[in-house]
Amino acid sequence: MRSLPMLQLSRRLWSWSLLATVAIHIGTAQAELHAGPMQGYPAMRSAVIWLQTDRMEPVQLAWWPEHHKELRKLTAPILTDGQHQYTALVTVGNLEPETNYRYQVVLDGKTDTSIEPLTFKTAPLWEWREPAPDFKVLTGSCAYINQAKFDRPGTPYGGGYEIYSAMAAQHADLMVWLGDNLYYREADYSSPSGMAARYWHDRALPELQGFLRNTPQVAIWDDHDYGYNDSGNSFIFKGASLELFKNYWANPGYGLPGTSGIFTKVTLNDADFFMLDDRWWRDANAAQDRPGKHMFGKIQMDWLKNALLESTAHFKIIAAGGQMLNNGDAYEGWNHFAYEQTDFLAWLKNNNIKGVIFLTGDRHISELLRLNRPRTYPLYEFTCSPLNSGPAKGSKYNPQRIEGTLVEQRNFCSMSFTGQGKARELNLNVYDSQGRELWKRTLTPADLGYEQIDR
């Protein structure tokens, strides 16, 4: 055998040593889950399951159609590693639409039966065949998980973790996280490893695991799970933040080829969710408001406009971390980027885009806002917050707020899509941490622009 250069030999010896270490570890230690499994975005012919191990381990899923375990199959093994925080996104393919499946987690060749039964269901293939099905989507934002040694002194800011049991009991078809899905502390956002440690701690919250397992999950971010408070495009660790987001969430996409960020579209039945990124491209809040000051940026806004024009969905939900229509938002609302906001709202009206609803978080209150528009239908914004953070007090007077919809306690929200054909409606509900209903409202076809309105 020819002799190897010293550096190449050193690298090979290191690789052989690592493989030997992994082999010894796998052979002697019992693998365990650190968090999950979690269902990812819904699809008709595939499913994505996220999980996290407590160390480097080969992971697989065993799966089969419900009641047909004789058809059990195994996915190809994936070796979790420290570079990806020991997370894995396992795709199960070649599935049938609208079918219930059972699955098991296999760690290091051993089936983990301690968390069974585990199930997922593929989305229905309904279009051109039958009316759109009724379905329910949950949503919420601002999930602060206490960790005393890193929290600020005083009364714990987070709490109400029982909310996830109440959310799991809804048996919804999807959960949309609206940002601030965790809160980086000062000790976290000073380094990428600190940010990774925050994800590692918070995702393992015991009260959260059942909800992650029984409901498909997708997410966007806001400032606290992107960087420091009110952070934008100048955050120096934004690249690390993006990689962490990709490691911990199972969205259908993250930006576009050649365009970074987390924006994407999630489709479920006759609803399109346009999931926006209000941080990656964001100019500083303190910058003078002028043409060219962006919250979302031109590339993302061009994508959104084209995606809306191409959408055939009855319901078009535009989701962002911060409020978009509240003209009295004194904090981080889109009203502080008025040129970008005005341009989009004018475009929306000029192109007669119907079925649009805005879905936002951040404010530590929940409310339903309405923006009246001359000679077209009004726009509604459904703000849902907080899940676990400390609640805030809303302004006593907001002419855009629908009377009776202000909630100043921990809560979660649901959007139920019901009815057939032109009678399709959107039912909005808000629940407290125990799952008790606080209010409900219905948006009719006329509210969404599907009937002629003379204004």
Protein backbone atom coordinates (compact mmCIF):
# COMPACT_ATOMS: atom_id res chain seq x y z
CA MET A 1 0.00 0.00 0.00
CA ARG A 2 1.30 3.45 -0.87
CA SER A 3 2.17 5.67 2.05
CA LEU A 4 -0.31 8.46 2.88
CA PRO A 5 0.66 12.08 3.51
CA MET A 6 0.72 12.82 7.22
CA LEU A 7 -2.38 15.11 7.18
CA GLN A 8 -4.45 12.60 5.18
CA LEU A 9 -3.32 9.76 7.46
CA SER A 10 -4.23 11.84 10.50
CA ARG A 11 -7.71 12.50 9.12
CA ARG A 12 -8.29 8.82 8.36
CA LEU A 13 -7.13 7.80 11.83
CA TRP A 14 -9.49 10.40 13.33
CA SER A 15 -12.40 9.05 11.24
CA TRP A 16 -11.62 5.44 12.20
CA SER A 17 -11.38 6.48 15.84
CA LEU A 18 -14.75 8.26 15.66
CA LEU A 19 -16.44 5.27 14.04
CA ALA A 20 -14.95 2.98 16.64
CA THR A 21 -16.16 5.27 19.44
CA VAL A 22 -19.67 5.34 17.97
CA ALA A 23 -19.65 1.55 17.59
CA ILE A 24 -18.59 1.07 21.21
CA HIS A 25 -21.19 3.61 22.39
CA ILE A 26 -23.98 2.01 20.36
CA GLY A 27 -23.08 -1.39 21.64
CA THR A 28 -22.99 -0.48 25.32
CA ALA A 29 -25.51 2.33 25.98
CA GLN A 30 -29.32 2.29 25.83
CA ALA A 31 -30.57 4.92 23.43
CA GLU A 32 -33.29 7.32 24.62
CA LEU A 33 -35.41 10.09 23.16
CA HIS A 34 -34.70 13.58 24.43
CA ALA A 35 -37.81 15.11 22.83
CA GLY A 36 -40.56 14.13 20.43
CA PRO A 37 -41.53 12.51 18.22
CA MET A 38 -43.36 15.42 16.55
CA GLN A 39 -45.51 15.38 13.44
CA GLY A 40 -44.45 17.83 10.73
CA TYR A 41 -46.37 19.50 7.91
CA PRO A 42 -49.34 17.54 6.50
CA ALA A 43 -49.25 15.97 3.03
CA MET A 44 -51.27 13.43 1.04
CA ARG A 45 -48.63 10.85 0.15
CA SER A 46 -45.95 11.32 2.81
CA ALA A 47 -45.40 12.21 6.44
CA VAL A 48 -42.47 13.87 8.21
CA ILE A 49 -41.69 12.96 11.81
CA TRP A 50 -39.20 14.97 13.89
CA LEU A 51 -37.41 13.52 16.89
CA GLN A 52 -34.39 14.19 19.07
CA THR A 53 -32.14 11.67 20.79
CA ASP A 54 -30.04 12.23 23.90
CA ARG A 55 -26.80 11.37 22.06
CA MET A 56 -25.52 10.12 18.71
CA GLU A 57 -27.79 7.24 17.69
CA PRO A 58 -29.10 5.56 14.53
CA VAL A 59 -32.87 6.15 14.34
CA GLN A 60 -35.62 4.63 12.22
CA LEU A 61 -39.38 4.53 12.09
CA ALA A 62 -41.40 1.36 11.77
CA TRP A 63 -44.79 2.10 10.19
CA TRP A 64 -47.87 0.40 8.82
CA PRO A 65 -51.49 1.18 7.84
CA GLU A 66 -53.70 1.04 10.92
CA HIS A 67 -55.05 -2.48 11.57
CA HIS A 68 -52.50 -3.98 9.15
CA LYS A 69 -49.34 -4.51 11.17
CA GLU A 70 -48.43 -7.38 8.85
CA LEU A 71 -47.47 -4.62 6.36
CA ARG A 72 -44.95 -3.12 8.77
CA LYS A 73 -41.98 -1.40 7.10
CA LEU A 74 -38.82 0.32 8.29
CA THR A 75 -37.40 3.62 7.09
CA ALA A 76 -33.71 3.86 6.30
CA PRO A 77 -31.57 4.62 9.37
CA ILE A 78 -30.45 8.18 10.13
CA LEU A 79 -27.53 8.81 12.46
CA THR A 80 -28.24 11.78 14.71
CA ASP A 81 -25.22 13.97 15.45
CA GLY A 82 -24.13 16.92 17.52
CA GLN A 83 -23.94 19.25 14.52
CA HIS A 84 -27.74 18.98 14.23
CA GLN A 85 -28.39 18.81 17.99
CA TYR A 86 -29.14 15.07 17.66
CA THR A 87 -32.33 15.83 15.73
CA ALA A 88 -33.70 13.86 12.80
CA LEU A 89 -36.40 14.55 10.24
CA VAL A 90 -37.65 11.15 9.09
CA THR A 91 -39.77 11.07 5.95
CA VAL A 92 -42.24 8.23 5.40
CA GLY A 93 -43.16 8.07 1.71
CA ASN A 94 -45.36 6.20 -0.75
CA LEU A 95 -48.45 6.59 1.46
CA GLU A 96 -52.15 6.71 0.61
CA PRO A 97 -54.22 9.89 1.07
CA GLU A 98 -56.63 10.17 4.00
CA THR A 99 -55.28 7.07 5.68
CA ASN A 100 -54.47 6.41 9.33
CA TYR A 101 -51.05 4.97 10.05
CA ARG A 102 -49.37 3.61 13.16
CA TYR A 103 -45.65 3.94 13.78
CA GLN A 104 -42.92 3.13 16.28
CA VAL A 105 -39.58 4.78 17.01
CA VAL A 106 -36.60 2.45 16.58
CA LEU A 107 -33.40 3.56 18.32
CA ASP A 108 -30.21 1.60 17.69
CA GLY A 109 -32.29 -1.28 16.34
CA LYS A 110 -34.48 -1.42 19.46
CA THR A 111 -38.18 -0.50 19.32
CA ASP A 112 -39.26 2.06 21.90
CA THR A 113 -42.71 0.95 23.09
CA SER A 114 -42.87 3.34 26.05
CA ILE A 115 -44.65 6.10 24.09
CA GLU A 116 -47.15 4.09 22.08
CA PRO A 117 -49.56 4.34 20.43
CA LEU A 118 -48.10 6.73 17.85
CA THR A 119 -50.22 7.65 14.84
CA PHE A 120 -50.40 10.02 11.90
CA LYS A 121 -52.96 10.60 9.18
CA THR A 122 -52.36 11.73 5.62
CA ALA A 123 -54.35 14.63 4.17
CA PRO A 124 -57.39 13.85 1.99
CA LEU A 125 -57.42 13.96 -1.81
CA TRP A 126 -60.73 15.79 -2.18
CA GLU A 127 -60.40 18.37 -4.97
CA TRP A 128 -62.40 17.57 -8.17
CA ARG A 129 -63.96 14.65 -6.27
CA GLU A 130 -66.03 15.99 -3.38
CA PRO A 131 -66.62 19.16 -1.31
CA ALA A 132 -63.74 20.44 0.80
CA PRO A 133 -63.77 18.73 4.20
CA ASP A 134 -64.33 20.49 7.50
CA PHE A 135 -61.12 20.82 9.52
CA LYS A 136 -59.57 22.63 12.47
CA VAL A 137 -56.27 24.48 12.92
CA LEU A 138 -54.86 25.62 16.27
CA THR A 139 -52.57 28.59 16.70
CA GLY A 140 -50.70 30.59 19.34
CA SER A 141 -47.47 32.41 20.15
CA CYS A 142 -45.16 33.45 22.98
CA ALA A 143 -44.15 30.25 24.77
CA TYR A 144 -41.80 31.19 27.62
CA ILE A 145 -40.43 28.14 29.47
CA ASN A 146 -38.86 28.95 32.83
CA GLN A 147 -35.24 28.07 33.63
CA ALA A 148 -34.41 29.80 36.90
CA LYS A 149 -30.63 30.11 36.56
CA PHE A 150 -30.98 32.03 33.28
CA ASP A 151 -34.21 33.94 33.97
CA ARG A 152 -34.31 37.46 35.29
CA PRO A 153 -34.75 37.70 39.09
CA GLY A 154 -38.26 37.91 40.51
CA THR A 155 -41.55 36.19 39.79
CA PRO A 156 -41.21 33.55 37.05
CA TYR A 157 -42.36 34.96 33.72
CA GLY A 158 -43.54 31.66 32.24
CA GLY A 159 -46.14 29.14 33.31
CA GLY A 160 -49.46 27.57 32.44
CA TYR A 161 -47.90 24.52 30.79
CA GLU A 162 -51.18 22.61 31.18
CA ILE A 163 -52.28 24.50 28.07
CA TYR A 164 -50.67 21.81 25.90
CA SER A 165 -52.92 19.09 27.29
CA ALA A 166 -55.92 21.26 26.49
CA MET A 167 -54.59 21.82 22.98
CA ALA A 168 -53.95 18.11 22.44
CA ALA A 169 -57.55 17.40 23.50
CA GLN A 170 -58.77 19.46 20.51
CA HIS A 171 -57.50 16.76 18.10
CA ALA A 172 -56.80 19.44 15.50
CA ASP A 173 -55.52 18.85 11.99
CA LEU A 174 -52.64 21.34 12.31
CA MET A 175 -50.90 23.69 14.77
CA VAL A 176 -49.43 26.98 13.48
CA TRP A 177 -46.85 28.48 15.86
CA LEU A 178 -46.75 32.25 15.35
CA GLY A 179 -43.31 33.06 16.72
CA ASP A 180 -41.61 33.60 20.08
CA ASN A 181 -41.93 29.82 20.26
CA LEU A 182 -39.12 30.03 22.79
CA TYR A 183 -37.32 32.96 24.42
CA TYR A 184 -33.57 33.36 24.08
CA ARG A 185 -32.15 34.87 27.27
CA GLU A 186 -29.17 37.24 27.42
CA ALA A 187 -26.89 34.27 28.07
CA ASP A 188 -28.31 32.47 25.00
CA TYR A 189 -28.13 34.91 22.11
CA SER A 190 -24.51 35.85 22.86
CA SER A 191 -23.39 32.68 21.04
CA PRO A 192 -24.78 29.99 18.71
CA SER A 193 -24.09 27.32 21.34
CA GLY A 194 -26.14 29.27 23.85
CA MET A 195 -29.01 29.45 21.40
CA ALA A 196 -28.77 25.71 20.79
CA ALA A 197 -28.87 25.10 24.54
CA ARG A 198 -32.14 27.05 24.77
CA TYR A 199 -33.77 24.88 22.12
CA TRP A 200 -32.44 21.74 23.82
CA HIS A 201 -33.96 22.75 27.16
CA ASP A 202 -37.32 24.06 25.99
CA ARG A 203 -38.22 21.42 23.41
CA ALA A 204 -37.94 18.72 26.08
CA LEU A 205 -40.69 20.25 28.28
CA PRO A 206 -42.62 17.16 29.48
CA GLU A 207 -46.02 18.84 29.20
CA LEU A 208 -45.38 19.59 25.52
CA GLN A 209 -44.59 16.09 24.28
CA GLY A 210 -48.11 14.70 23.99
CA PHE A 211 -49.23 17.66 21.91
CA LEU A 212 -46.25 17.34 19.56
CA ARG A 213 -47.07 13.69 19.00
CA ASN A 214 -50.78 13.95 18.25
CA THR A 215 -50.98 17.13 16.10
CA PRO A 216 -49.03 18.14 12.97
CA GLN A 217 -46.89 21.23 13.67
CA VAL A 218 -45.54 24.10 11.54
CA ALA A 219 -43.98 27.38 12.66
CA ILE A 220 -42.67 30.84 11.92
CA TRP A 221 -40.43 32.88 14.20
CA ASP A 222 -40.46 36.32 15.79
CA ASP A 223 -37.73 38.23 17.61
CA HIS A 224 -37.27 36.06 20.72
CA ASP A 225 -36.74 32.77 18.88
CA TYR A 226 -34.65 34.55 16.21
CA GLY A 227 -32.33 36.67 18.35
CA TYR A 228 -32.52 39.42 20.95
CA ASN A 229 -35.56 41.60 21.65
CA ASP A 230 -36.71 43.49 18.52
CA SER A 231 -33.83 42.06 16.47
CA GLY A 232 -33.73 42.29 12.68
CA ASN A 233 -31.41 41.88 9.72
CA SER A 234 -28.28 43.02 11.59
CA PHE A 235 -28.27 40.14 14.10
CA ILE A 236 -24.82 38.63 13.69
CA PHE A 237 -25.89 35.06 14.53
CA LYS A 238 -28.89 35.01 12.18
CA GLY A 239 -27.29 32.20 10.15
CA ALA A 240 -27.00 30.01 13.24
CA SER A 241 -30.56 30.91 14.18
CA LEU A 242 -31.80 29.76 10.78
CA GLU A 243 -29.99 26.43 11.05
CA LEU A 244 -31.47 25.85 14.49
CA PHE A 245 -34.95 26.61 13.17
CA LYS A 246 -34.45 24.08 10.38
CA ASN A 247 -33.23 21.50 12.88
CA TYR A 248 -36.24 21.86 15.18
CA TRP A 249 -39.21 22.47 12.85
CA ALA A 250 -40.57 20.29 10.04
CA ASN A 251 -41.93 22.89 7.61
CA PRO A 252 -42.32 22.17 3.87
CA GLY A 253 -39.64 24.76 3.12
CA TYR A 254 -37.45 27.57 4.44
CA GLY A 255 -37.20 30.51 2.06
CA LEU A 256 -36.41 29.80 -1.60
CA PRO A 257 -33.33 28.52 -3.44
CA GLY A 258 -30.86 31.38 -3.22
CA THR A 259 -33.10 33.34 -0.82
CA SER A 260 -32.58 32.77 2.90
CA GLY A 261 -35.21 33.01 5.60
CA ILE A 262 -38.07 30.86 6.84
CA PHE A 263 -41.01 31.99 4.70
CA THR A 264 -43.03 29.22 3.07
CA LYS A 265 -46.55 28.12 2.19
CA VAL A 266 -48.50 25.37 3.94
CA THR A 267 -51.62 23.99 2.24
CA LEU A 268 -54.29 22.04 4.06
CA ASN A 269 -57.49 21.24 2.18
CA ASP A 270 -58.91 24.54 0.85
CA ALA A 271 -56.71 26.80 3.01
CA ASP A 272 -53.31 28.20 2.08
CA PHE A 273 -51.17 29.50 4.93
CA PHE A 274 -48.60 32.03 3.73
CA MET A 275 -46.01 31.83 6.48
CA LEU A 276 -43.96 35.03 6.54
CA ASP A 277 -40.53 35.86 7.96
CA ASP A 278 -40.62 39.24 9.74
CA ARG A 279 -37.00 39.14 10.99
CA TRP A 280 -34.42 38.04 8.41
CA TRP A 281 -34.95 41.03 6.08
CA ARG A 282 -36.20 43.51 8.68
CA ASP A 283 -34.71 46.98 8.92
CA ALA A 284 -34.22 48.45 12.39
CA ASN A 285 -37.46 49.65 13.98
CA ALA A 286 -35.73 52.95 14.80
CA ALA A 287 -34.91 53.66 11.14
CA GLN A 288 -36.83 56.55 9.61
CA ASP A 289 -39.96 55.32 7.87
CA ARG A 290 -39.40 55.94 4.16
CA PRO A 291 -39.63 54.08 0.85
CA GLY A 292 -37.19 51.21 1.14
CA LYS A 293 -37.70 50.54 4.85
CA HIS A 294 -38.73 46.91 5.02
CA MET A 295 -40.18 44.49 7.53
CA PHE A 296 -40.43 41.66 4.99
CA GLY A 297 -38.27 42.86 2.09
CA LYS A 298 -38.93 43.10 -1.63
CA ILE A 299 -38.01 39.50 -2.49
CA GLN A 300 -40.37 38.09 0.09
CA MET A 301 -43.19 40.50 -0.79
CA ASP A 302 -42.84 39.66 -4.49
CA TRP A 303 -43.07 35.98 -3.57
CA LEU A 304 -46.19 36.61 -1.46
CA LYS A 305 -47.93 38.56 -4.22
CA ASN A 306 -47.23 35.90 -6.83
CA ALA A 307 -48.24 33.12 -4.45
CA LEU A 308 -51.55 34.87 -3.72
CA LEU A 309 -52.24 35.35 -7.42
CA GLU A 310 -51.59 31.67 -8.06
CA SER A 311 -53.56 30.42 -5.06
CA THR A 312 -56.85 28.64 -5.74
CA ALA A 313 -57.57 28.20 -2.03
CA HIS A 314 -60.89 29.46 -0.67
CA PHE A 315 -59.12 30.69 2.48
CA LYS A 316 -55.84 32.59 2.20
CA ILE A 317 -54.26 33.08 5.63
CA ILE A 318 -51.27 35.45 5.83
CA ALA A 319 -49.35 34.60 9.01
CA ALA A 320 -46.62 36.76 10.56
CA GLY A 321 -44.97 37.15 13.95
CA GLY A 322 -46.12 40.74 14.56
CA GLN A 323 -49.36 42.59 13.91
CA MET A 324 -49.95 43.69 10.33
CA LEU A 325 -53.19 45.73 10.29
CA ASN A 326 -53.24 47.40 13.72
CA ASN A 327 -52.64 51.06 12.92
CA GLY A 328 -52.39 51.84 16.63
CA ASP A 329 -49.59 49.35 17.39
CA ALA A 330 -47.04 51.31 19.43
CA TYR A 331 -44.47 48.51 19.38
CA GLU A 332 -43.36 46.49 16.37
CA GLY A 333 -46.38 46.46 14.07
CA TRP A 334 -46.31 46.82 10.30
CA ASN A 335 -47.70 50.34 10.74
CA HIS A 336 -44.11 51.41 11.52
CA PHE A 337 -43.16 50.28 8.00
CA ALA A 338 -46.01 52.23 6.43
CA TYR A 339 -44.68 52.43 2.86
CA GLU A 340 -44.31 48.65 2.61
CA GLN A 341 -47.67 48.11 4.31
CA THR A 342 -49.52 50.63 2.14
CA ASP A 343 -48.04 49.21 -1.06
CA PHE A 344 -49.20 45.69 -0.23
CA LEU A 345 -52.70 46.66 0.90
CA ALA A 346 -53.18 48.70 -2.28
CA TRP A 347 -51.95 45.77 -4.36
CA LEU A 348 -54.33 43.42 -2.54
CA LYS A 349 -57.31 45.64 -3.34
CA ASN A 350 -56.29 46.37 -6.94
CA ASN A 351 -55.96 42.66 -7.67
CA ASN A 352 -59.26 41.79 -5.97
CA ILE A 353 -57.75 38.95 -3.93
CA LYS A 354 -60.60 37.29 -2.03
CA GLY A 355 -60.60 35.10 1.06
CA VAL A 356 -57.70 36.85 2.84
CA ILE A 357 -57.31 36.70 6.65
CA PHE A 358 -54.30 37.89 8.65
CA LEU A 359 -52.99 35.73 11.51
CA THR A 360 -50.48 37.17 13.98
CA GLY A 361 -48.96 36.84 17.45
CA ASP A 362 -46.42 38.74 19.60
CA ARG A 363 -48.65 41.11 21.59
CA HIS A 364 -49.32 38.97 24.72
CA ILE A 365 -53.02 39.58 24.14
CA SER A 366 -55.53 38.03 21.78
CA GLU A 367 -57.99 40.06 19.76
CA LEU A 368 -59.85 40.24 16.46
CA LEU A 369 -59.29 43.39 14.42
CA ARG A 370 -61.16 44.67 11.36
CA LEU A 371 -59.85 47.09 8.75
CA ASN A 372 -62.68 48.53 6.67
CA ARG A 373 -61.87 49.27 3.02
CA PRO A 374 -63.95 51.36 0.63
CA ARG A 375 -65.71 49.44 -2.17
CA THR A 376 -64.41 46.03 -1.14
CA TYR A 377 -64.62 43.60 1.75
CA PRO A 378 -63.00 44.34 5.15
CA LEU A 379 -59.77 42.69 6.22
CA TYR A 380 -59.65 40.79 9.52
CA GLU A 381 -56.61 40.17 11.69
CA PHE A 382 -56.72 37.40 14.29
CA THR A 383 -54.00 37.93 16.91
CA CYS A 384 -53.33 35.05 19.33
CA SER A 385 -50.95 35.40 22.31
CA PRO A 386 -49.58 34.35 24.81
CA LEU A 387 -49.29 30.59 25.36
CA ASN A 388 -46.90 30.57 28.36
CA SER A 389 -45.47 34.08 28.65
CA GLY A 390 -46.81 36.71 30.99
CA PRO A 391 -50.04 38.28 29.63
CA ALA A 392 -50.22 42.01 28.89
CA LYS A 393 -52.92 44.66 29.06
CA GLY A 394 -54.41 45.74 25.76
CA SER A 395 -55.30 49.30 24.92
CA LYS A 396 -58.73 50.15 26.31
CA TYR A 397 -59.78 51.82 23.08
CA ASN A 398 -58.97 50.48 19.65
CA PRO A 399 -61.55 51.35 16.97
CA GLN A 400 -60.35 48.40 14.87
CA ARG A 401 -61.03 45.80 17.58
CA ILE A 402 -64.22 43.74 17.38
CA GLU A 403 -66.04 44.34 20.64
CA GLY A 404 -65.65 41.59 23.21
CA THR A 405 -62.59 39.93 21.65
CA LEU A 406 -59.77 41.30 23.85
CA VAL A 407 -58.18 38.52 25.96
CA GLU A 408 -55.60 39.44 28.62
CA GLN A 409 -54.64 35.98 29.92
CA ARG A 410 -52.76 32.94 28.65
CA ASN A 411 -54.71 31.36 25.82
CA PHE A 412 -54.69 29.47 22.55
CA CYS A 413 -56.88 29.87 19.49
CA SER A 414 -58.55 27.75 16.84
CA MET A 415 -59.70 28.29 13.28
CA SER A 416 -62.40 25.89 12.09
CA PHE A 417 -63.20 25.74 8.37
CA THR A 418 -66.76 24.52 7.80
CA GLY A 419 -69.60 24.41 5.29
CA GLN A 420 -69.83 23.60 1.60
CA GLY A 421 -69.26 25.52 -1.59
CA LYS A 422 -70.10 29.21 -1.42
CA ALA A 423 -71.30 28.76 2.17
CA ARG A 424 -67.82 27.97 3.55
CA GLU A 425 -67.22 29.85 6.82
CA LEU A 426 -64.32 30.43 9.17
CA ASN A 427 -65.07 29.99 12.87
CA LEU A 428 -62.63 31.64 15.28
CA ASN A 429 -62.38 30.50 18.91
CA VAL A 430 -60.20 31.49 21.86
CA TYR A 431 -59.63 29.18 24.85
CA ASP A 432 -57.95 29.62 28.22
CA SER A 433 -55.13 27.40 29.52
CA GLN A 434 -57.62 24.77 30.69
CA GLY A 435 -59.41 24.65 27.34
CA ARG A 436 -62.46 26.68 28.37
CA GLU A 437 -63.92 28.79 25.57
CA LEU A 438 -63.51 32.54 26.07
CA TRP A 439 -65.17 33.78 22.86
CA LYS A 440 -66.09 32.74 19.35
CA ARG A 441 -66.84 34.60 16.13
CA THR A 442 -67.72 33.53 12.59
CA LEU A 443 -66.44 35.09 9.37
CA THR A 444 -69.05 34.60 6.66
CA PRO A 445 -68.50 34.41 2.88
CA ALA A 446 -69.36 38.13 2.68
CA ASP A 447 -66.69 38.90 5.30
CA LEU A 448 -64.15 37.23 3.02
CA GLY A 449 -65.23 38.91 -0.20
CA TYR A 450 -67.27 36.09 -1.71
CA GLU A 451 -70.48 38.09 -1.98
CA GLN A 452 -70.96 41.45 -3.68
CA ILE A 453 -70.58 44.26 -1.16
CA ASP A 454 -71.65 47.84 -1.86
CA ARG A 455 -69.45 50.14 0.21
